[in-house]
Amino acid sequence: MNAETPSVWLWIVVGLLLLSQGTWIFIDARKRGRRAWLWGLWGIINCPTSLIVYLLIVVRPETRKRRDL
């Protein structure tokens, strides 16, 4: 194996990270009633951009609403 190619363990860790992020976003979006499949699939595609965008677009406005009441 050459030094430029990533090891198998790196790919496994990246895959588990993406899968766990997508799963968490899917479950949270389903609880909130927000297009769960779309958010879940987008969460599997990249990390951590999709998590940051989800937190800014979905979670933050709902916490603001609760705080303002």
N, C-alpha and C. Protein backbone atom coordinates (compact mmCIF):
# COMPACT_ATOMS: atom_id res chain seq x y z
N MET A 1 0.85 -1.18 0.00
CA MET A 1 0.00 0.00 0.00
C MET A 1 0.89 1.23 0.00
N ASN A 2 0.59 2.14 -0.82
CA ASN A 2 1.42 3.33 -0.94
C ASN A 2 0.97 4.41 0.03
N ALA A 3 1.84 5.34 0.36
CA ALA A 3 1.57 6.33 1.40
C ALA A 3 0.47 7.32 1.02
N GLU A 4 0.17 7.46 -0.25
CA GLU A 4 -0.84 8.42 -0.67
C GLU A 4 -2.27 7.89 -0.58
N THR A 5 -2.44 6.59 -0.58
CA THR A 5 -3.79 6.03 -0.51
C THR A 5 -4.23 5.89 0.94
N PRO A 6 -5.45 6.30 1.25
CA PRO A 6 -5.94 6.18 2.63
C PRO A 6 -6.15 4.71 3.00
N SER A 7 -5.97 4.41 4.26
CA SER A 7 -6.14 3.04 4.71
C SER A 7 -7.62 2.67 4.76
N VAL A 8 -7.85 1.39 4.88
CA VAL A 8 -9.22 0.88 4.95
C VAL A 8 -9.92 1.39 6.20
N TRP A 9 -9.19 1.52 7.30
CA TRP A 9 -9.78 1.99 8.55
C TRP A 9 -10.28 3.42 8.44
N LEU A 10 -9.57 4.24 7.69
CA LEU A 10 -10.03 5.61 7.48
C LEU A 10 -11.37 5.63 6.75
N TRP A 11 -11.50 4.80 5.72
CA TRP A 11 -12.77 4.73 4.98
C TRP A 11 -13.90 4.21 5.86
N ILE A 12 -13.59 3.27 6.74
CA ILE A 12 -14.61 2.73 7.65
C ILE A 12 -15.06 3.82 8.62
N VAL A 13 -14.13 4.57 9.17
CA VAL A 13 -14.47 5.65 10.11
C VAL A 13 -15.29 6.74 9.43
N VAL A 14 -14.89 7.12 8.23
CA VAL A 14 -15.64 8.14 7.48
C VAL A 14 -17.06 7.63 7.18
N GLY A 15 -17.18 6.38 6.76
CA GLY A 15 -18.50 5.81 6.48
C GLY A 15 -19.38 5.77 7.70
N LEU A 16 -18.83 5.37 8.84
CA LEU A 16 -19.61 5.34 10.08
C LEU A 16 -20.02 6.74 10.53
N LEU A 17 -19.12 7.70 10.35
CA LEU A 17 -19.43 9.08 10.70
C LEU A 17 -20.59 9.61 9.85
N LEU A 18 -20.53 9.38 8.55
CA LEU A 18 -21.59 9.85 7.66
C LEU A 18 -22.91 9.14 7.95
N LEU A 19 -22.85 7.85 8.19
CA LEU A 19 -24.06 7.08 8.47
C LEU A 19 -24.70 7.52 9.78
N SER A 20 -23.90 7.72 10.81
CA SER A 20 -24.46 8.14 12.09
C SER A 20 -25.03 9.55 12.02
N GLN A 21 -24.35 10.44 11.30
CA GLN A 21 -24.85 11.81 11.13
C GLN A 21 -26.18 11.80 10.37
N GLY A 22 -26.25 11.07 9.28
CA GLY A 22 -27.48 10.99 8.50
C GLY A 22 -28.63 10.39 9.29
N THR A 23 -28.32 9.38 10.10
CA THR A 23 -29.34 8.74 10.92
C THR A 23 -29.87 9.71 11.98
N TRP A 24 -28.96 10.42 12.65
CA TRP A 24 -29.41 11.37 13.67
C TRP A 24 -30.26 12.48 13.07
N ILE A 25 -29.82 13.01 11.93
CA ILE A 25 -30.59 14.07 11.28
C ILE A 25 -31.95 13.54 10.86
N PHE A 26 -32.02 12.33 10.31
CA PHE A 26 -33.29 11.74 9.89
C PHE A 26 -34.24 11.59 11.07
N ILE A 27 -33.75 11.04 12.18
CA ILE A 27 -34.60 10.82 13.35
C ILE A 27 -35.10 12.15 13.92
N ASP A 28 -34.22 13.13 14.01
CA ASP A 28 -34.61 14.43 14.55
C ASP A 28 -35.60 15.14 13.63
N ALA A 29 -35.38 15.06 12.32
CA ALA A 29 -36.30 15.69 11.37
C ALA A 29 -37.66 15.01 11.40
N ARG A 30 -37.68 13.70 11.59
CA ARG A 30 -38.95 12.99 11.67
C ARG A 30 -39.72 13.42 12.92
N LYS A 31 -39.04 13.62 14.04
CA LYS A 31 -39.70 14.10 15.27
C LYS A 31 -40.28 15.49 15.07
N ARG A 32 -39.59 16.33 14.31
CA ARG A 32 -40.03 17.70 14.10
C ARG A 32 -41.01 17.83 12.94
N GLY A 33 -41.23 16.76 12.18
CA GLY A 33 -42.16 16.80 11.06
C GLY A 33 -41.60 17.52 9.85
N ARG A 34 -40.31 17.47 9.68
CA ARG A 34 -39.64 18.15 8.56
C ARG A 34 -39.08 17.14 7.58
N ARG A 35 -39.46 17.09 6.39
CA ARG A 35 -38.92 16.27 5.29
C ARG A 35 -37.76 15.37 5.71
N ALA A 36 -38.05 14.35 6.49
CA ALA A 36 -37.02 13.51 7.10
C ALA A 36 -36.14 12.82 6.07
N TRP A 37 -36.73 12.27 5.02
CA TRP A 37 -35.93 11.55 4.02
C TRP A 37 -34.94 12.47 3.32
N LEU A 38 -35.38 13.66 3.00
CA LEU A 38 -34.49 14.62 2.34
C LEU A 38 -33.31 14.97 3.25
N TRP A 39 -33.60 15.32 4.50
CA TRP A 39 -32.54 15.68 5.42
C TRP A 39 -31.62 14.50 5.71
N GLY A 40 -32.19 13.32 5.86
CA GLY A 40 -31.38 12.13 6.13
C GLY A 40 -30.43 11.80 4.99
N LEU A 41 -30.94 11.86 3.77
CA LEU A 41 -30.07 11.60 2.62
C LEU A 41 -28.99 12.66 2.48
N TRP A 42 -29.36 13.89 2.72
CA TRP A 42 -28.37 14.95 2.62
C TRP A 42 -27.32 14.82 3.72
N GLY A 43 -27.72 14.30 4.87
CA GLY A 43 -26.77 14.08 5.96
C GLY A 43 -25.76 12.99 5.67
N ILE A 44 -26.11 12.05 4.81
CA ILE A 44 -25.19 10.98 4.44
C ILE A 44 -24.19 11.46 3.38
N ILE A 45 -24.53 12.48 2.64
CA ILE A 45 -23.69 12.91 1.53
C ILE A 45 -22.41 13.60 1.99
N ASN A 46 -22.49 14.50 2.96
CA ASN A 46 -21.28 15.21 3.38
C ASN A 46 -21.29 15.50 4.87
N CYS A 47 -20.12 15.78 5.39
CA CYS A 47 -19.98 16.03 6.81
C CYS A 47 -18.97 17.16 6.99
N PRO A 48 -19.15 18.06 7.82
CA PRO A 48 -20.23 18.39 8.73
C PRO A 48 -21.16 19.47 8.18
N THR A 49 -21.01 19.82 6.91
CA THR A 49 -21.81 20.90 6.33
C THR A 49 -23.30 20.66 6.48
N SER A 50 -23.76 19.45 6.18
CA SER A 50 -25.20 19.19 6.27
C SER A 50 -25.70 19.29 7.70
N LEU A 51 -24.90 18.89 8.67
CA LEU A 51 -25.30 19.00 10.08
C LEU A 51 -25.39 20.47 10.49
N ILE A 52 -24.43 21.27 10.09
CA ILE A 52 -24.44 22.70 10.42
C ILE A 52 -25.65 23.40 9.79
N VAL A 53 -25.91 23.10 8.53
CA VAL A 53 -27.05 23.72 7.84
C VAL A 53 -28.36 23.27 8.49
N TYR A 54 -28.48 21.99 8.84
CA TYR A 54 -29.68 21.49 9.50
C TYR A 54 -29.91 22.21 10.83
N LEU A 55 -28.84 22.36 11.60
CA LEU A 55 -28.98 23.05 12.89
C LEU A 55 -29.38 24.51 12.72
N LEU A 56 -28.85 25.16 11.70
CA LEU A 56 -29.18 26.58 11.47
C LEU A 56 -30.58 26.78 10.89
N ILE A 57 -31.02 25.88 10.01
CA ILE A 57 -32.30 26.06 9.33
C ILE A 57 -33.47 25.49 10.11
N VAL A 58 -33.30 24.37 10.77
CA VAL A 58 -34.43 23.71 11.44
C VAL A 58 -34.40 23.89 12.95
N VAL A 59 -33.31 23.58 13.59
CA VAL A 59 -33.28 23.56 15.05
C VAL A 59 -33.26 24.96 15.65
N ARG A 60 -32.43 25.82 15.15
CA ARG A 60 -32.29 27.16 15.74
C ARG A 60 -33.59 27.97 15.69
N PRO A 61 -34.30 28.03 14.56
CA PRO A 61 -35.56 28.79 14.56
C PRO A 61 -36.61 28.24 15.54
N GLU A 62 -36.64 26.91 15.71
CA GLU A 62 -37.61 26.35 16.65
C GLU A 62 -37.25 26.68 18.09
N THR A 63 -35.96 26.73 18.41
CA THR A 63 -35.58 27.12 19.77
C THR A 63 -35.86 28.59 20.01
N ARG A 64 -35.71 29.40 19.00
CA ARG A 64 -36.05 30.82 19.13
C ARG A 64 -37.53 31.00 19.40
N LYS A 65 -38.37 30.24 18.69
CA LYS A 65 -39.82 30.34 18.88
C LYS A 65 -40.19 30.00 20.32
N ARG A 66 -39.60 28.91 20.83
CA ARG A 66 -39.91 28.50 22.21
C ARG A 66 -39.44 29.54 23.22
N ARG A 67 -38.28 30.13 22.97
CA ARG A 67 -37.73 31.12 23.89
C ARG A 67 -38.57 32.40 23.89
N ASP A 68 -39.08 32.78 22.73
CA ASP A 68 -39.87 34.02 22.62
C ASP A 68 -41.27 33.88 23.22
N LEU A 69 -41.75 32.67 23.37
CA LEU A 69 -43.10 32.50 23.94
C LEU A 69 -43.08 32.78 25.37
